[in-house]
Structure formats: C-alpha cells, structure tokens
C-alpha cells in the first residue's frame, strides 16, 4: 500500500456584510491543498468557485449556467477587492504580504468588508 497522501485540507471562510449579501451565505468550507496555499490565492479561488458552482447561477430554467454564476463571481471580486482579511480572528494588515500568509487545515478566514458609519 502506498503512503502517498492525497488528502485535502479545508478552511472555513466567513462572509459578512456585502460579501454575505452577494453570495447569500454566511460561511462555507473550502477544500485547499494540504500545503502551500496562501491567502493571496484565496480571492481567485473564491471568485472561480462562485462563478461556476454557485447555486444562484440557476437562471430559472432549472439548469445551471446562463451567466448568473459569472455575474456573482464578478460581484464577489469587487467586494473582495475592497475588503480586508482576518485569519483565525487576527486581522491581516493592509501592508502585509499576502503571499506569506499560509493557510492550513482548519484555519478560519473572514472577509471583512468596509462599512459606512453614521
């Protein structure tokens, strides 16, 4: 029996404010590679995931497709472009190099959207 591991790690992504509204969910578990997955890669992964897999991309015909998911992915990208990140309840500084923030199994990542005050 081979000892080669092909298991997948998972992270939990929490969505608040505009991110939650855009996706219609507040959290989800995302499979990631066991090693070598960085916060800098997460935005593209989430946009791709919700461009093709989002249940909301049912265009009313009962069939997936029709561009609904792509629109959700594009809207999510706009939200993520203006958001900050939290990893295991620790804010990631704006000037921190996201290519150095490695995400591992069981990590909790939150999308922190800007809010208007008043």
PDB file of N, CA and C in Angstrom:
ATOM      1  N   UNK A   1       0.837  -1.171   0.000  1.00  0.00           N
ATOM      2  CA  UNK A   1       0.000   0.000   0.000  1.00  0.00           C
ATOM      3  C   UNK A   1       0.888   1.241   0.000  1.00  0.00           C
ATOM      4  N   UNK A   2       0.569   2.194  -0.836  1.00  0.00           N
ATOM      5  CA  UNK A   2       1.362   3.414  -0.972  1.00  0.00           C
ATOM      6  C   UNK A   2       1.100   4.359   0.192  1.00  0.00           C
ATOM      7  N   UNK A   3       2.149   5.060   0.599  1.00  0.00           N
ATOM      8  CA  UNK A   3       1.993   6.032   1.680  1.00  0.00           C
ATOM      9  C   UNK A   3       1.793   7.442   1.136  1.00  0.00           C
ATOM     10  N   UNK A   4       1.602   7.566  -0.177  1.00  0.00           N
ATOM     11  CA  UNK A   4       1.381   8.870  -0.777  1.00  0.00           C
ATOM     12  C   UNK A   4       0.041   9.422  -0.319  1.00  0.00           C
ATOM     13  N   UNK A   5       0.075  10.633   0.202  1.00  0.00           N
ATOM     14  CA  UNK A   5      -1.143  11.252   0.712  1.00  0.00           C
ATOM     15  C   UNK A   5      -1.746  12.173  -0.335  1.00  0.00           C
ATOM     16  N   UNK A   6      -3.016  11.991  -0.598  1.00  0.00           N
ATOM     17  CA  UNK A   6      -3.723  12.887  -1.499  1.00  0.00           C
ATOM     18  C   UNK A   6      -4.892  13.546  -0.774  1.00  0.00           C
ATOM     19  N   UNK A   7      -4.836  13.545   0.548  1.00  0.00           N
ATOM     20  CA  UNK A   7      -5.930  14.134   1.317  1.00  0.00           C
ATOM     21  C   UNK A   7      -5.961  15.641   1.108  1.00  0.00           C
ATOM     22  N   UNK A   8      -7.107  16.184   1.347  1.00  0.00           N
ATOM     23  CA  UNK A   8      -7.307  17.611   1.151  1.00  0.00           C
ATOM     24  C   UNK A   8      -7.597  18.274   2.483  1.00  0.00           C
ATOM     25  N   UNK A   9      -7.019  19.419   2.672  1.00  0.00           N
ATOM     26  CA  UNK A   9      -7.297  20.226   3.855  1.00  0.00           C
ATOM     27  C   UNK A   9      -8.522  21.099   3.565  1.00  0.00           C
ATOM     28  N   UNK A  10      -9.116  21.633   4.610  1.00  0.00           N
ATOM     29  CA  UNK A  10     -10.262  22.526   4.462  1.00  0.00           C
ATOM     30  C   UNK A  10     -10.069  23.763   5.331  1.00  0.00           C
ATOM     31  N   UNK A  11     -10.541  24.886   4.815  1.00  0.00           N
ATOM     32  CA  UNK A  11     -10.613  26.098   5.614  1.00  0.00           C
ATOM     33  C   UNK A  11     -12.076  26.510   5.690  1.00  0.00           C
ATOM     34  N   UNK A  12     -12.403  27.293   6.688  1.00  0.00           N
ATOM     35  CA  UNK A  12     -13.744  27.865   6.786  1.00  0.00           C
ATOM     36  C   UNK A  12     -13.630  29.338   6.440  1.00  0.00           C
ATOM     37  N   UNK A  13     -14.458  29.779   5.494  1.00  0.00           N
ATOM     38  CA  UNK A  13     -14.483  31.187   5.112  1.00  0.00           C
ATOM     39  C   UNK A  13     -15.786  31.782   5.639  1.00  0.00           C
ATOM     40  N   UNK A  14     -15.650  32.859   6.394  1.00  0.00           N
ATOM     41  CA  UNK A  14     -16.804  33.572   6.945  1.00  0.00           C
ATOM     42  C   UNK A  14     -17.055  34.823   6.113  1.00  0.00           C
ATOM     43  N   UNK A  15     -18.314  35.054   5.770  1.00  0.00           N
ATOM     44  CA  UNK A  15     -18.693  36.211   4.964  1.00  0.00           C
ATOM     45  C   UNK A  15     -19.574  37.141   5.788  1.00  0.00           C
ATOM     46  N   UNK A  16     -19.276  38.427   5.739  1.00  0.00           N
ATOM     47  CA  UNK A  16     -20.055  39.432   6.442  1.00  0.00           C
ATOM     48  C   UNK A  16     -20.490  40.512   5.461  1.00  0.00           C
ATOM     49  N   UNK A  17     -21.489  41.265   5.842  1.00  0.00           N
ATOM     50  CA  UNK A  17     -21.938  42.455   5.122  1.00  0.00           C
ATOM     51  C   UNK A  17     -22.108  42.182   3.625  1.00  0.00           C
ATOM     52  N   UNK A  18     -21.459  42.969   2.776  1.00  0.00           N
ATOM     53  CA  UNK A  18     -21.646  42.862   1.328  1.00  0.00           C
ATOM     54  C   UNK A  18     -21.253  41.492   0.780  1.00  0.00           C
ATOM     55  N   UNK A  19     -20.254  40.861   1.361  1.00  0.00           N
ATOM     56  CA  UNK A  19     -19.846  39.530   0.881  1.00  0.00           C
ATOM     57  C   UNK A  19     -20.954  38.514   1.130  1.00  0.00           C
ATOM     58  N   UNK A  20     -21.556  38.562   2.298  1.00  0.00           N
ATOM     59  CA  UNK A  20     -22.659  37.662   2.632  1.00  0.00           C
ATOM     60  C   UNK A  20     -23.878  37.941   1.756  1.00  0.00           C
ATOM     61  N   UNK A  21     -24.172  39.208   1.546  1.00  0.00           N
ATOM     62  CA  UNK A  21     -25.303  39.586   0.703  1.00  0.00           C
ATOM     63  C   UNK A  21     -25.086  39.129  -0.733  1.00  0.00           C
ATOM     64  N   UNK A  22     -23.891  39.297  -1.243  1.00  0.00           N
ATOM     65  CA  UNK A  22     -23.577  38.907  -2.616  1.00  0.00           C
ATOM     66  C   UNK A  22     -23.753  37.411  -2.829  1.00  0.00           C
ATOM     67  N   UNK A  23     -23.290  36.622  -1.868  1.00  0.00           N
ATOM     68  CA  UNK A  23     -23.318  35.169  -2.025  1.00  0.00           C
ATOM     69  C   UNK A  23     -24.569  34.512  -1.459  1.00  0.00           C
ATOM     70  N   UNK A  24     -25.234  35.179  -0.536  1.00  0.00           N
ATOM     71  CA  UNK A  24     -26.400  34.584   0.093  1.00  0.00           C
ATOM     72  C   UNK A  24     -26.055  33.534   1.135  1.00  0.00           C
ATOM     73  N   UNK A  25     -24.814  33.550   1.615  1.00  0.00           N
ATOM     74  CA  UNK A  25     -24.370  32.624   2.657  1.00  0.00           C
ATOM     75  C   UNK A  25     -23.504  33.394   3.648  1.00  0.00           C
ATOM     76  N   UNK A  26     -23.344  32.834   4.840  1.00  0.00           N
ATOM     77  CA  UNK A  26     -22.501  33.489   5.839  1.00  0.00           C
ATOM     78  C   UNK A  26     -21.194  32.751   6.069  1.00  0.00           C
ATOM     79  N   UNK A  27     -21.125  31.504   5.646  1.00  0.00           N
ATOM     80  CA  UNK A  27     -19.868  30.761   5.765  1.00  0.00           C
ATOM     81  C   UNK A  27     -19.898  29.542   4.865  1.00  0.00           C
ATOM     82  N   UNK A  28     -18.708  29.036   4.574  1.00  0.00           N
ATOM     83  CA  UNK A  28     -18.582  27.795   3.812  1.00  0.00           C
ATOM     84  C   UNK A  28     -17.225  27.174   4.070  1.00  0.00           C
ATOM     85  N   UNK A  29     -17.165  25.857   3.910  1.00  0.00           N
ATOM     86  CA  UNK A  29     -15.897  25.128   3.998  1.00  0.00           C
ATOM     87  C   UNK A  29     -15.351  24.990   2.589  1.00  0.00           C
ATOM     88  N   UNK A  30     -14.079  25.288   2.448  1.00  0.00           N
ATOM     89  CA  UNK A  30     -13.426  25.263   1.143  1.00  0.00           C
ATOM     90  C   UNK A  30     -12.280  24.263   1.189  1.00  0.00           C
ATOM     91  N   UNK A  31     -12.227  23.319   0.244  1.00  0.00           N
ATOM     92  CA  UNK A  31     -11.063  22.436   0.179  1.00  0.00           C
ATOM     93  C   UNK A  31      -9.866  23.193  -0.393  1.00  0.00           C
ATOM     94  N   UNK A  32      -8.715  22.994   0.212  1.00  0.00           N
ATOM     95  CA  UNK A  32      -7.474  23.610  -0.266  1.00  0.00           C
ATOM     96  C   UNK A  32      -6.392  22.536  -0.286  1.00  0.00           C
ATOM     97  N   UNK A  33      -5.311  22.770  -1.025  1.00  0.00           N
ATOM     98  CA  UNK A  33      -4.195  21.825  -0.973  1.00  0.00           C
ATOM     99  C   UNK A  33      -3.658  21.722   0.451  1.00  0.00           C
ATOM    100  N   UNK A  34      -3.143  20.561   0.794  1.00  0.00           N
ATOM    101  CA  UNK A  34      -2.659  20.330   2.153  1.00  0.00           C
ATOM    102  C   UNK A  34      -1.520  21.273   2.533  1.00  0.00           C
ATOM    103  N   UNK A  35      -0.678  21.622   1.580  1.00  0.00           N
ATOM    104  CA  UNK A  35       0.444  22.532   1.848  1.00  0.00           C
ATOM    105  C   UNK A  35       0.576  23.523   0.705  1.00  0.00           C
ATOM    106  N   UNK A  36       1.132  24.666   1.034  1.00  0.00           N
ATOM    107  CA  UNK A  36       1.463  25.639   0.001  1.00  0.00           C
ATOM    108  C   UNK A  36       0.285  26.414  -0.558  1.00  0.00           C
ATOM    109  N   UNK A  37      -0.733  26.693   0.260  1.00  0.00           N
ATOM    110  CA  UNK A  37      -1.847  27.529  -0.185  1.00  0.00           C
ATOM    111  C   UNK A  37      -1.832  28.806   0.647  1.00  0.00           C
ATOM    112  N   UNK A  38      -1.822  29.935  -0.045  1.00  0.00           N
ATOM    113  CA  UNK A  38      -1.620  31.220   0.618  1.00  0.00           C
ATOM    114  C   UNK A  38      -2.839  32.128   0.467  1.00  0.00           C
ATOM    115  N   UNK A  39      -2.958  33.051   1.399  1.00  0.00           N
ATOM    116  CA  UNK A  39      -4.074  33.985   1.397  1.00  0.00           C
ATOM    117  C   UNK A  39      -4.161  34.741   0.071  1.00  0.00           C
ATOM    118  N   UNK A  40      -3.042  35.007  -0.539  1.00  0.00           N
ATOM    119  CA  UNK A  40      -3.030  35.712  -1.823  1.00  0.00           C
ATOM    120  C   UNK A  40      -3.766  34.937  -2.915  1.00  0.00           C
ATOM    121  N   UNK A  41      -3.914  33.635  -2.760  1.00  0.00           N
ATOM    122  CA  UNK A  41      -4.583  32.795  -3.754  1.00  0.00           C
ATOM    123  C   UNK A  41      -6.080  32.654  -3.487  1.00  0.00           C
ATOM    124  N   UNK A  42      -6.512  33.025  -2.306  1.00  0.00           N
ATOM    125  CA  UNK A  42      -7.886  32.745  -1.901  1.00  0.00           C
ATOM    126  C   UNK A  42      -8.910  33.532  -2.706  1.00  0.00           C
ATOM    127  N   UNK A  43      -8.650  34.802  -2.986  1.00  0.00           N
ATOM    128  CA  UNK A  43      -9.624  35.609  -3.719  1.00  0.00           C
ATOM    129  C   UNK A  43      -9.965  34.969  -5.059  1.00  0.00           C
ATOM    130  N   UNK A  44      -8.951  34.592  -5.835  1.00  0.00           N
ATOM    131  CA  UNK A  44      -9.207  33.980  -7.136  1.00  0.00           C
ATOM    132  C   UNK A  44      -9.943  32.653  -6.998  1.00  0.00           C
ATOM    133  N   UNK A  45      -9.590  31.879  -5.978  1.00  0.00           N
ATOM    134  CA  UNK A  45     -10.266  30.603  -5.747  1.00  0.00           C
ATOM    135  C   UNK A  45     -11.752  30.825  -5.456  1.00  0.00           C
ATOM    136  N   UNK A  46     -12.066  31.793  -4.602  1.00  0.00           N
ATOM    137  CA  UNK A  46     -13.460  32.061  -4.252  1.00  0.00           C
ATOM    138  C   UNK A  46     -14.247  32.575  -5.451  1.00  0.00           C
ATOM    139  N   UNK A  47     -13.653  33.483  -6.219  1.00  0.00           N
ATOM    140  CA  UNK A  47     -14.334  34.020  -7.397  1.00  0.00           C
ATOM    141  C   UNK A  47     -14.603  32.897  -8.394  1.00  0.00           C
ATOM    142  N   UNK A  48     -13.612  32.060  -8.647  1.00  0.00           N
ATOM    143  CA  UNK A  48     -13.795  30.946  -9.578  1.00  0.00           C
ATOM    144  C   UNK A  48     -14.873  29.994  -9.068  1.00  0.00           C
ATOM    145  N   UNK A  49     -14.805  29.670  -7.803  1.00  0.00           N
ATOM    146  CA  UNK A  49     -15.769  28.737  -7.199  1.00  0.00           C
ATOM    147  C   UNK A  49     -17.201  29.246  -7.348  1.00  0.00           C
ATOM    148  N   UNK A  50     -17.400  30.525  -7.102  1.00  0.00           N
ATOM    149  CA  UNK A  50     -18.756  31.067  -7.154  1.00  0.00           C
ATOM    150  C   UNK A  50     -19.171  31.490  -8.554  1.00  0.00           C
ATOM    151  N   UNK A  51     -18.246  31.526  -9.481  1.00  0.00           N
ATOM    152  CA  UNK A  51     -18.595  31.781 -10.876  1.00  0.00           C
ATOM    153  C   UNK A  51     -19.181  30.535 -11.524  1.00  0.00           C
ATOM    154  N   UNK A  52     -18.741  29.362 -11.067  1.00  0.00           N
ATOM    155  CA  UNK A  52     -19.202  28.127 -11.707  1.00  0.00           C
ATOM    156  C   UNK A  52     -20.122  27.295 -10.838  1.00  0.00           C
ATOM    157  N   UNK A  53     -19.968  27.357  -9.504  1.00  0.00           N
ATOM    158  CA  UNK A  53     -20.686  26.431  -8.635  1.00  0.00           C
ATOM    159  C   UNK A  53     -21.825  27.052  -7.854  1.00  0.00           C
ATOM    160  N   UNK A  54     -21.962  28.353  -7.874  1.00  0.00           N
ATOM    161  CA  UNK A  54     -22.949  28.976  -7.004  1.00  0.00           C
ATOM    162  C   UNK A  54     -24.349  28.499  -7.344  1.00  0.00           C
ATOM    163  N   UNK A  55     -25.108  28.035  -6.346  1.00  0.00           N
ATOM    164  CA  UNK A  55     -26.467  27.581  -6.605  1.00  0.00           C
ATOM    165  C   UNK A  55     -27.326  28.674  -7.234  1.00  0.00           C
ATOM    166  N   UNK A  56     -26.963  29.921  -7.034  1.00  0.00           N
ATOM    167  CA  UNK A  56     -27.742  31.021  -7.592  1.00  0.00           C
ATOM    168  C   UNK A  56     -27.551  31.169  -9.089  1.00  0.00           C
ATOM    169  N   UNK A  57     -26.639  30.376  -9.673  1.00  0.00           N
ATOM    170  CA  UNK A  57     -26.476  30.530 -11.111  1.00  0.00           C
ATOM    171  C   UNK A  57     -27.488  29.695 -11.882  1.00  0.00           C
ATOM    172  N   UNK A  58     -28.533  29.216 -11.203  1.00  0.00           N
ATOM    173  CA  UNK A  58     -29.682  28.622 -11.865  1.00  0.00           C
ATOM    174  C   UNK A  58     -30.465  29.800 -12.447  1.00  0.00           C
ATOM    175  N   UNK A  59     -30.565  29.848 -13.765  1.00  0.00           N
ATOM    176  CA  UNK A  59     -31.167  31.010 -14.404  1.00  0.00           C
ATOM    177  C   UNK A  59     -32.689  30.926 -14.485  1.00  0.00           C
ATOM    178  N   UNK A  60     -33.291  30.060 -13.683  1.00  0.00           N
ATOM    179  CA  UNK A  60     -34.736  29.928 -13.686  1.00  0.00           C
ATOM    180  C   UNK A  60     -35.216  28.800 -14.571  1.00  0.00           C
ATOM    181  N   UNK A  61     -34.344  28.280 -15.396  1.00  0.00           N
ATOM    182  CA  UNK A  61     -34.723  27.198 -16.297  1.00  0.00           C
ATOM    183  C   UNK A  61     -34.533  25.843 -15.644  1.00  0.00           C
ATOM    184  N   UNK A  62     -33.983  25.849 -14.425  1.00  0.00           N
ATOM    185  CA  UNK A  62     -33.695  24.584 -13.764  1.00  0.00           C
ATOM    186  C   UNK A  62     -32.342  24.039 -14.149  1.00  0.00           C
ATOM    187  N   UNK A  63     -31.657  24.739 -15.049  1.00  0.00           N
ATOM    188  CA  UNK A  63     -30.330  24.310 -15.491  1.00  0.00           C
ATOM    189  C   UNK A  63     -29.303  25.308 -15.005  1.00  0.00           C
ATOM    190  N   UNK A  64     -28.149  24.798 -14.623  1.00  0.00           N
ATOM    191  CA  UNK A  64     -27.067  25.699 -14.228  1.00  0.00           C
ATOM    192  C   UNK A  64     -26.531  26.371 -15.483  1.00  0.00           C
ATOM    193  N   UNK A  65     -26.056  27.571 -15.301  1.00  0.00           N
ATOM    194  CA  UNK A  65     -25.461  28.272 -16.426  1.00  0.00           C
ATOM    195  C   UNK A  65     -26.202  29.555 -16.706  1.00  0.00           C
ATOM    196  N   UNK A  66     -26.058  30.053 -17.898  1.00  0.00           N
ATOM    197  CA  UNK A  66     -26.742  31.263 -18.281  1.00  0.00           C
ATOM    198  C   UNK A  66     -26.074  32.525 -17.786  1.00  0.00           C
ATOM    199  N   UNK A  67     -24.885  32.410 -17.218  1.00  0.00           N
ATOM    200  CA  UNK A  67     -24.135  33.588 -16.821  1.00  0.00           C
ATOM    201  C   UNK A  67     -24.412  34.094 -15.425  1.00  0.00           C
ATOM    202  N   UNK A  68     -25.433  33.555 -14.742  1.00  0.00           N
ATOM    203  CA  UNK A  68     -25.744  34.024 -13.394  1.00  0.00           C
ATOM    204  C   UNK A  68     -24.582  33.865 -12.444  1.00  0.00           C
ATOM    205  N   UNK A  69     -23.924  32.711 -12.506  1.00  0.00           N
ATOM    206  CA  UNK A  69     -22.779  32.462 -11.638  1.00  0.00           C
ATOM    207  C   UNK A  69     -21.627  33.388 -11.950  1.00  0.00           C
ATOM    208  N   UNK A  70     -21.425  33.667 -13.237  1.00  0.00           N
ATOM    209  CA  UNK A  70     -20.343  34.572 -13.626  1.00  0.00           C
ATOM    210  C   UNK A  70     -20.580  35.960 -13.040  1.00  0.00           C
ATOM    211  N   UNK A  71     -21.829  36.412 -13.073  1.00  0.00           N
ATOM    212  CA  UNK A  71     -22.151  37.728 -12.508  1.00  0.00           C
ATOM    213  C   UNK A  71     -21.894  37.744 -11.006  1.00  0.00           C
ATOM    214  N   UNK A  72     -22.237  36.651 -10.336  1.00  0.00           N
ATOM    215  CA  UNK A  72     -21.977  36.563  -8.901  1.00  0.00           C
ATOM    216  C   UNK A  72     -20.476  36.588  -8.644  1.00  0.00           C
ATOM    217  N   UNK A  73     -19.719  35.865  -9.446  1.00  0.00           N
ATOM    218  CA  UNK A  73     -18.265  35.862  -9.306  1.00  0.00           C
ATOM    219  C   UNK A  73     -17.674  37.247  -9.489  1.00  0.00           C
ATOM    220  N   UNK A  74     -18.167  37.975 -10.501  1.00  0.00           N
ATOM    221  CA  UNK A  74     -17.676  39.333 -10.753  1.00  0.00           C
ATOM    222  C   UNK A  74     -18.043  40.270  -9.605  1.00  0.00           C
ATOM    223  N   UNK A  75     -19.263  40.135  -9.088  1.00  0.00           N
ATOM    224  CA  UNK A  75     -19.691  40.964  -7.954  1.00  0.00           C
ATOM    225  C   UNK A  75     -18.858  40.640  -6.714  1.00  0.00           C
ATOM    226  N   UNK A  76     -18.578  39.354  -6.516  1.00  0.00           N
ATOM    227  CA  UNK A  76     -17.759  38.952  -5.375  1.00  0.00           C
ATOM    228  C   UNK A  76     -16.353  39.524  -5.490  1.00  0.00           C
ATOM    229  N   UNK A  77     -15.777  39.504  -6.692  1.00  0.00           N
ATOM    230  CA  UNK A  77     -14.433  40.064  -6.880  1.00  0.00           C
ATOM    231  C   UNK A  77     -14.406  41.538  -6.468  1.00  0.00           C
ATOM    232  N   UNK A  78     -15.423  42.299  -6.840  1.00  0.00           N
ATOM    233  CA  UNK A  78     -15.476  43.720  -6.465  1.00  0.00           C
ATOM    234  C   UNK A  78     -15.514  43.881  -4.950  1.00  0.00           C
ATOM    235  N   UNK A  79     -16.309  43.038  -4.299  1.00  0.00           N
ATOM    236  CA  UNK A  79     -16.392  43.095  -2.835  1.00  0.00           C
ATOM    237  C   UNK A  79     -15.043  42.747  -2.221  1.00  0.00           C
ATOM    238  N   UNK A  80     -14.429  41.668  -2.698  1.00  0.00           N
ATOM    239  CA  UNK A  80     -13.151  41.219  -2.133  1.00  0.00           C
ATOM    240  C   UNK A  80     -12.034  42.225  -2.379  1.00  0.00           C
ATOM    241  N   UNK A  81     -12.092  42.921  -3.515  1.00  0.00           N
ATOM    242  CA  UNK A  81     -11.061  43.924  -3.825  1.00  0.00           C
ATOM    243  C   UNK A  81     -11.033  45.055  -2.797  1.00  0.00           C
ATOM    244  N   UNK A  82     -12.177  45.327  -2.172  1.00  0.00           N
ATOM    245  CA  UNK A  82     -12.224  46.425  -1.199  1.00  0.00           C
ATOM    246  C   UNK A  82     -12.263  45.928   0.247  1.00  0.00           C
ATOM    247  N   UNK A  83     -12.100  44.632   0.434  1.00  0.00           N
ATOM    248  CA  UNK A  83     -12.204  44.044   1.773  1.00  0.00           C
ATOM    249  C   UNK A  83     -10.845  43.776   2.395  1.00  0.00           C
ATOM    250  N   UNK A  84     -10.876  43.563   3.709  1.00  0.00           N
ATOM    251  CA  UNK A  84      -9.696  43.113   4.440  1.00  0.00           C
ATOM    252  C   UNK A  84      -9.933  41.671   4.852  1.00  0.00           C
ATOM    253  N   UNK A  85      -8.879  41.044   5.366  1.00  0.00           N
ATOM    254  CA  UNK A  85      -8.947  39.637   5.751  1.00  0.00           C
ATOM    255  C   UNK A  85      -8.596  39.470   7.219  1.00  0.00           C
ATOM    256  N   UNK A  86      -9.205  38.473   7.805  1.00  0.00           N
ATOM    257  CA  UNK A  86      -8.868  38.047   9.156  1.00  0.00           C
ATOM    258  C   UNK A  86      -8.579  36.550   9.078  1.00  0.00           C
ATOM    259  N   UNK A  87      -7.488  36.125   9.701  1.00  0.00           N
ATOM    260  CA  UNK A  87      -7.127  34.706   9.727  1.00  0.00           C
ATOM    261  C   UNK A  87      -7.075  34.274  11.184  1.00  0.00           C
ATOM    262  N   UNK A  88      -7.926  33.313  11.521  1.00  0.00           N
ATOM    263  CA  UNK A  88      -8.046  32.845  12.909  1.00  0.00           C
ATOM    264  C   UNK A  88      -8.199  34.017  13.880  1.00  0.00           C
ATOM    265  N   UNK A  89      -9.140  34.900  13.558  1.00  0.00           N
ATOM    266  CA  UNK A  89      -9.522  36.049  14.390  1.00  0.00           C
ATOM    267  C   UNK A  89      -8.422  37.095  14.553  1.00  0.00           C
ATOM    268  N   UNK A  90      -7.416  37.067  13.695  1.00  0.00           N
ATOM    269  CA  UNK A  90      -6.344  38.083  13.701  1.00  0.00           C
ATOM    270  C   UNK A  90      -6.404  38.840  12.381  1.00  0.00           C
ATOM    271  N   UNK A  91      -6.570  40.152  12.458  1.00  0.00           N
ATOM    272  CA  UNK A  91      -6.609  40.954  11.241  1.00  0.00           C
ATOM    273  C   UNK A  91      -5.273  40.884  10.515  1.00  0.00           C
ATOM    274  N   UNK A  92      -5.361  40.801   9.203  1.00  0.00           N
ATOM    275  CA  UNK A  92      -4.170  40.837   8.363  1.00  0.00           C
ATOM    276  C   UNK A  92      -3.966  42.295   7.974  1.00  0.00           C
ATOM    277  N   UNK A  93      -2.797  42.842   8.275  1.00  0.00           N
ATOM    278  CA  UNK A  93      -2.507  44.243   7.976  1.00  0.00           C
ATOM    279  C   UNK A  93      -2.557  44.492   6.478  1.00  0.00           C
ATOM    280  N   UNK A  94      -3.001  45.703   6.110  1.00  0.00           N
ATOM    281  CA  UNK A  94      -3.069  46.084   4.702  1.00  0.00           C
ATOM    282  C   UNK A  94      -1.723  45.951   4.006  1.00  0.00           C
ATOM    283  N   UNK A  95      -0.649  46.256   4.722  1.00  0.00           N
ATOM    284  CA  UNK A  95       0.671  46.240   4.096  1.00  0.00           C
ATOM    285  C   UNK A  95       1.362  44.876   4.201  1.00  0.00           C
ATOM    286  N   UNK A  96       0.685  43.900   4.798  1.00  0.00           N
ATOM    287  CA  UNK A  96       1.280  42.569   4.931  1.00  0.00           C
ATOM    288  C   UNK A  96       1.262  41.863   3.577  1.00  0.00           C
ATOM    289  N   UNK A  97       2.321  41.158   3.281  1.00  0.00           N
ATOM    290  CA  UNK A  97       2.433  40.425   2.032  1.00  0.00           C
ATOM    291  C   UNK A  97       1.573  39.165   2.116  1.00  0.00           C
ATOM    292  N   UNK A  98       0.461  39.153   1.377  1.00  0.00           N
ATOM    293  CA  UNK A  98      -0.478  38.033   1.444  1.00  0.00           C
ATOM    294  C   UNK A  98       0.106  36.739   0.891  1.00  0.00           C
ATOM    295  N   UNK A  99       1.203  36.850   0.141  1.00  0.00           N
ATOM    296  CA  UNK A  99       1.846  35.633  -0.370  1.00  0.00           C
ATOM    297  C   UNK A  99       2.604  34.913   0.731  1.00  0.00           C
ATOM    298  N   UNK A 100       2.726  35.538   1.897  1.00  0.00           N
ATOM    299  CA  UNK A 100       3.444  34.915   3.011  1.00  0.00           C
ATOM    300  C   UNK A 100       2.503  34.383   4.093  1.00  0.00           C
ATOM    301  N   UNK A 101       1.198  34.591   3.918  1.00  0.00           N
ATOM    302  CA  UNK A 101       0.223  34.115   4.902  1.00  0.00           C
ATOM    303  C   UNK A 101      -0.294  32.761   4.421  1.00  0.00           C
ATOM    304  N   UNK A 102       0.304  31.694   4.949  1.00  0.00           N
ATOM    305  CA  UNK A 102      -0.085  30.344   4.527  1.00  0.00           C
ATOM    306  C   UNK A 102      -1.322  29.896   5.294  1.00  0.00           C
ATOM    307  N   UNK A 103      -2.242  29.275   4.567  1.00  0.00           N
ATOM    308  CA  UNK A 103      -3.470  28.764   5.160  1.00  0.00           C
ATOM    309  C   UNK A 103      -3.388  27.252   5.245  1.00  0.00           C
ATOM    310  N   UNK A 104      -3.712  26.721   6.405  1.00  0.00           N
ATOM    311  CA  UNK A 104      -3.662  25.282   6.608  1.00  0.00           C
ATOM    312  C   UNK A 104      -5.007  24.730   7.032  1.00  0.00           C
ATOM    313  N   UNK A 105      -5.057  23.425   7.197  1.00  0.00           N
ATOM    314  CA  UNK A 105      -6.281  22.730   7.561  1.00  0.00           C
ATOM    315  C   UNK A 105      -6.873  23.297   8.849  1.00  0.00           C
ATOM    316  N   UNK A 106      -8.169  23.591   8.809  1.00  0.00           N
ATOM    317  CA  UNK A 106      -8.873  24.060   9.993  1.00  0.00           C
ATOM    318  C   UNK A 106      -8.821  25.552  10.233  1.00  0.00           C
ATOM    319  N   UNK A 107      -8.107  26.288   9.398  1.00  0.00           N
ATOM    320  CA  UNK A 107      -7.996  27.737   9.565  1.00  0.00           C
ATOM    321  C   UNK A 107      -9.345  28.392   9.244  1.00  0.00           C
ATOM    322  N   UNK A 108      -9.640  29.459   9.973  1.00  0.00           N
ATOM    323  CA  UNK A 108     -10.850  30.238   9.734  1.00  0.00           C
ATOM    324  C   UNK A 108     -10.450  31.588   9.150  1.00  0.00           C
ATOM    325  N   UNK A 109     -10.974  31.887   7.976  1.00  0.00           N
ATOM    326  CA  UNK A 109     -10.677  33.143   7.291  1.00  0.00           C
ATOM    327  C   UNK A 109     -11.972  33.942   7.195  1.00  0.00           C
ATOM    328  N   UNK A 110     -11.924  35.203   7.568  1.00  0.00           N
ATOM    329  CA  UNK A 110     -13.104  36.061   7.469  1.00  0.00           C
ATOM    330  C   UNK A 110     -12.855  37.162   6.452  1.00  0.00           C
ATOM    331  N   UNK A 111     -13.875  37.428   5.648  1.00  0.00           N
ATOM    332  CA  UNK A 111     -13.853  38.544   4.713  1.00  0.00           C
ATOM    333  C   UNK A 111     -14.473  39.730   5.447  1.00  0.00           C
ATOM    334  N   UNK A 112     -13.671  40.757   5.680  1.00  0.00           N
ATOM    335  CA  UNK A 112     -14.116  41.935   6.424  1.00  0.00           C
ATOM    336  C   UNK A 112     -14.344  43.069   5.425  1.00  0.00           C
ATOM    337  N   UNK A 113     -15.606  43.327   5.137  1.00  0.00           N
ATOM    338  CA  UNK A 113     -15.969  44.355   4.163  1.00  0.00           C
ATOM    339  C   UNK A 113     -15.986  45.727   4.821  1.00  0.00           C
ATOM    340  N   UNK A 114     -15.714  46.762   4.031  1.00  0.00           N
ATOM    341  CA  UNK A 114     -15.824  48.110   4.584  1.00  0.00           C
ATOM    342  C   UNK A 114     -17.289  48.407   4.903  1.00  0.00           C
ATOM    343  N   UNK A 115     -17.499  49.152   5.956  1.00  0.00           N
ATOM    344  CA  UNK A 115     -18.863  49.541   6.328  1.00  0.00           C
ATOM    345  C   UNK A 115     -18.929  51.054   6.407  1.00  0.00           C
ATOM    346  N   UNK A 116     -20.087  51.580   6.088  1.00  0.00           N
ATOM    347  CA  UNK A 116     -20.243  53.027   6.208  1.00  0.00           C
ATOM    348  C   UNK A 116     -20.756  53.335   7.601  1.00  0.00           C
ATOM    349  N   UNK A 117     -20.238  54.379   8.156  1.00  0.00           N
ATOM    350  CA  UNK A 117     -20.634  54.752   9.517  1.00  0.00           C
ATOM    351  C   UNK A 117     -21.667  55.854   9.506  1.00  0.00           C
ATOM    352  N   UNK A 118     -22.198  56.077  10.664  1.00  0.00           N
ATOM    353  CA  UNK A 118     -23.149  57.176  10.730  1.00  0.00           C
ATOM    354  C   UNK A 118     -23.960  57.138  11.971  1.00  0.00           C
TER     355      UNK A 118
END
